[in-house]
């Protein structure tokens, strides 16, 4: 094949390729929509995304608190012991938890913080990870340091907290 003939064939092929996508009908910019077709609904589109909880400021008479949080995808957890319990005083636990898993709960455990004390919980209650604050009365506690902890699988917990304080310092107990 001669050089001018090769150039002509190459030009014809390039022109055909460039014009192959051209039609007299405009391409719609959005897909056709049927008025009768329902919109797809998924569990994610109807559920509320989890929120990052903000624990309250120190509560009057607060004994201890446990705060679980994620900071750049890493656990950023704190336990604070403030004072010893006073015998004869009624105490309660205020707790809240937020998770990406619907129906998730954590256990709140209250135990002695006295050196050498048993690791057994004095009181255990559950907190749903629905972002709502719960308050549960736990009765009187011995006059000693008290620790509160959050137990359970925390891998999908965005944030959580538990506070032990006198019952009359917290919102209405259940």
Protein backbone atom coordinates (compact mmCIF):
# COMPACT_ATOMS: atom_id res chain seq x y z
CA UNK A 1 0.00 0.00 0.00
CA UNK A 2 1.37 3.43 -0.92
CA UNK A 3 1.93 6.18 1.67
CA UNK A 4 -0.90 8.39 0.41
CA UNK A 5 -3.29 5.43 0.33
CA UNK A 6 -2.32 4.49 3.94
CA UNK A 7 -2.92 8.08 5.04
CA UNK A 8 -6.34 8.12 3.37
CA UNK A 9 -7.37 4.81 5.01
CA UNK A 10 -6.11 6.00 8.41
CA UNK A 11 -8.02 9.29 8.01
CA UNK A 12 -11.21 7.39 7.07
CA UNK A 13 -10.90 5.09 10.11
CA UNK A 14 -10.32 8.00 12.50
CA UNK A 15 -13.27 9.94 11.06
CA UNK A 16 -15.55 6.89 11.35
CA UNK A 17 -14.46 6.32 14.95
CA UNK A 18 -15.07 9.95 15.88
CA UNK A 19 -18.54 9.99 14.34
CA UNK A 20 -19.60 6.58 15.69
CA UNK A 21 -21.08 8.04 18.87
CA UNK A 22 -23.05 10.80 17.11
CA UNK A 23 -26.81 10.42 16.70
CA UNK A 24 -29.73 12.70 15.99
CA UNK A 25 -31.24 11.84 19.43
CA UNK A 26 -29.92 13.73 22.47
CA UNK A 27 -28.70 11.58 25.33
CA UNK A 28 -30.75 12.11 28.49
CA UNK A 29 -28.73 13.52 31.39
CA UNK A 30 -30.76 11.57 33.97
CA UNK A 31 -32.07 8.03 33.70
CA UNK A 32 -35.75 7.68 32.81
CA UNK A 33 -38.02 7.65 35.88
CA UNK A 34 -41.33 5.95 36.23
CA UNK A 35 -43.86 7.70 38.46
CA UNK A 36 -45.12 4.28 39.55
CA UNK A 37 -41.69 2.98 40.63
CA UNK A 38 -41.15 3.33 44.39
CA UNK A 39 -37.96 4.91 45.65
CA UNK A 40 -35.60 2.36 47.13
CA UNK A 41 -35.56 2.38 50.95
CA UNK A 42 -32.68 0.89 52.86
CA UNK A 43 -32.13 0.46 56.59
CA UNK A 44 -29.42 3.12 56.46
CA UNK A 45 -31.66 5.72 54.86
CA UNK A 46 -34.33 5.39 57.58
CA UNK A 47 -32.12 5.07 60.65
CA UNK A 48 -30.62 7.95 62.60
CA UNK A 49 -26.84 8.13 62.44
CA UNK A 50 -25.09 7.73 65.80
CA UNK A 51 -24.13 10.91 67.61
CA UNK A 52 -21.03 11.71 69.60
CA UNK A 53 -22.20 12.04 73.21
CA UNK A 54 -21.05 14.85 75.42
CA UNK A 55 -20.91 13.84 79.11
CA UNK A 56 -22.23 16.46 81.52
CA UNK A 57 -19.92 18.61 83.62
CA UNK A 58 -19.03 17.26 87.04
CA UNK A 59 -22.20 16.45 88.99
CA UNK A 60 -22.59 17.50 92.65
CA UNK A 61 -21.22 14.73 94.86
CA UNK A 62 -19.97 12.70 91.86
CA UNK A 63 -17.95 9.64 92.91
CA UNK A 64 -16.54 8.50 89.57
CA UNK A 65 -17.04 8.47 85.83
CA UNK A 66 -15.95 6.41 82.84
CA UNK A 67 -15.86 8.02 79.38
CA UNK A 68 -15.32 6.06 76.15
CA UNK A 69 -14.59 7.96 72.95
CA UNK A 70 -12.88 7.57 69.59
CA UNK A 71 -10.21 10.08 68.59
CA UNK A 72 -9.13 9.70 64.95
CA UNK A 73 -10.32 6.09 65.03
CA UNK A 74 -8.39 5.21 68.19
CA UNK A 75 -9.84 4.64 71.69
CA UNK A 76 -9.59 7.71 73.91
CA UNK A 77 -10.96 6.43 77.22
CA UNK A 78 -10.85 8.03 80.68
CA UNK A 79 -11.70 6.97 84.21
CA UNK A 80 -11.96 9.67 86.88
CA UNK A 81 -12.27 8.98 90.64
CA UNK A 82 -13.47 12.06 92.49
CA UNK A 83 -14.33 11.11 96.09
CA UNK A 84 -15.34 8.27 98.40
CA UNK A 85 -18.98 7.25 98.79
CA UNK A 86 -20.77 8.27 101.98
CA UNK A 87 -22.60 5.55 103.90
CA UNK A 88 -26.37 5.94 104.10
CA UNK A 89 -26.66 8.04 100.93
CA UNK A 90 -28.65 6.77 97.91
CA UNK A 91 -26.66 6.69 94.67
CA UNK A 92 -27.55 6.34 90.99
CA UNK A 93 -25.79 5.77 87.67
CA UNK A 94 -26.32 8.11 84.74
CA UNK A 95 -25.17 6.54 81.48
CA UNK A 96 -25.47 6.91 77.72
CA UNK A 97 -23.98 5.11 74.73
CA UNK A 98 -23.91 5.70 70.96
CA UNK A 99 -23.11 2.91 68.49
CA UNK A 100 -23.27 2.16 64.78
CA UNK A 101 -24.97 -1.19 65.59
CA UNK A 102 -28.74 -1.02 66.24
CA UNK A 103 -29.80 -2.81 69.45
CA UNK A 104 -26.30 -2.71 71.00
CA UNK A 105 -25.97 -2.47 74.79
CA UNK A 106 -23.08 -2.15 77.21
CA UNK A 107 -22.99 -3.24 80.84
CA UNK A 108 -22.35 -0.65 83.52
CA UNK A 109 -20.48 -2.14 86.50
CA UNK A 110 -19.99 -0.40 89.82
CA UNK A 111 -17.26 -1.84 92.06
CA UNK A 112 -15.02 -0.96 94.95
CA UNK A 113 -11.96 1.11 94.15
CA UNK A 114 -10.33 0.25 97.46
CA UNK A 115 -6.85 -1.26 97.03
CA UNK A 116 -7.01 -5.04 97.33
CA UNK A 117 -10.83 -5.12 96.96
CA UNK A 118 -12.56 -7.78 94.89
CA UNK A 119 -13.06 -7.17 91.16
CA UNK A 120 -16.66 -8.39 91.51
CA UNK A 121 -19.28 -5.81 90.63
CA UNK A 122 -21.45 -4.48 93.47
CA UNK A 123 -24.07 -3.41 90.95
CA UNK A 124 -24.55 -4.15 87.25
CA UNK A 125 -27.01 -2.51 84.89
CA UNK A 126 -27.29 -2.21 81.10
CA UNK A 127 -27.24 0.90 78.96
CA UNK A 128 -28.67 0.77 75.41
CA UNK A 129 -26.41 2.36 72.79
CA UNK A 130 -29.21 4.46 71.33
CA UNK A 131 -27.82 7.88 72.30
CA UNK A 132 -30.41 8.35 75.09
CA UNK A 133 -29.44 9.12 78.68
CA UNK A 134 -30.54 6.57 81.29
CA UNK A 135 -30.52 6.95 85.07
CA UNK A 136 -30.79 3.91 87.36
CA UNK A 137 -30.89 3.99 91.14
CA UNK A 138 -28.27 1.69 92.70
CA UNK A 139 -28.95 2.23 96.43
CA UNK A 140 -26.42 2.96 99.11
CA UNK A 141 -22.73 2.14 98.75
CA UNK A 142 -19.97 1.48 101.28
CA UNK A 143 -17.94 4.49 102.44
CA UNK A 144 -14.95 3.89 100.17
CA UNK A 145 -13.66 4.74 96.66
CA UNK A 146 -16.07 3.60 93.94
CA UNK A 147 -15.21 2.77 90.32
CA UNK A 148 -17.66 2.69 87.44
CA UNK A 149 -16.84 0.80 84.24
CA UNK A 150 -18.45 0.09 80.87
CA UNK A 151 -18.12 -3.52 79.71
CA UNK A 152 -18.92 -5.35 76.50
CA UNK A 153 -17.79 -5.26 72.88
CA UNK A 154 -16.90 -1.61 72.28
CA UNK A 155 -15.54 -1.95 68.74
CA UNK A 156 -18.51 -0.14 67.18
CA UNK A 157 -19.17 2.29 70.05
CA UNK A 158 -18.73 5.89 68.94
CA UNK A 159 -18.94 7.25 72.49
CA UNK A 160 -20.31 6.32 75.91
CA UNK A 161 -20.16 7.43 79.52
CA UNK A 162 -21.28 6.37 82.99
CA UNK A 163 -21.35 8.52 86.14
CA UNK A 164 -21.98 7.48 89.76
CA UNK A 165 -23.38 10.28 91.91
CA UNK A 166 -25.97 10.85 94.65
CA UNK A 167 -29.42 10.07 93.25
CA UNK A 168 -30.73 13.54 94.02
CA UNK A 169 -27.91 15.09 91.90
CA UNK A 170 -29.02 13.28 88.74
CA UNK A 171 -32.19 13.50 86.62
CA UNK A 172 -35.12 11.40 87.91
CA UNK A 173 -34.10 7.80 88.53
CA UNK A 174 -36.01 4.90 86.99
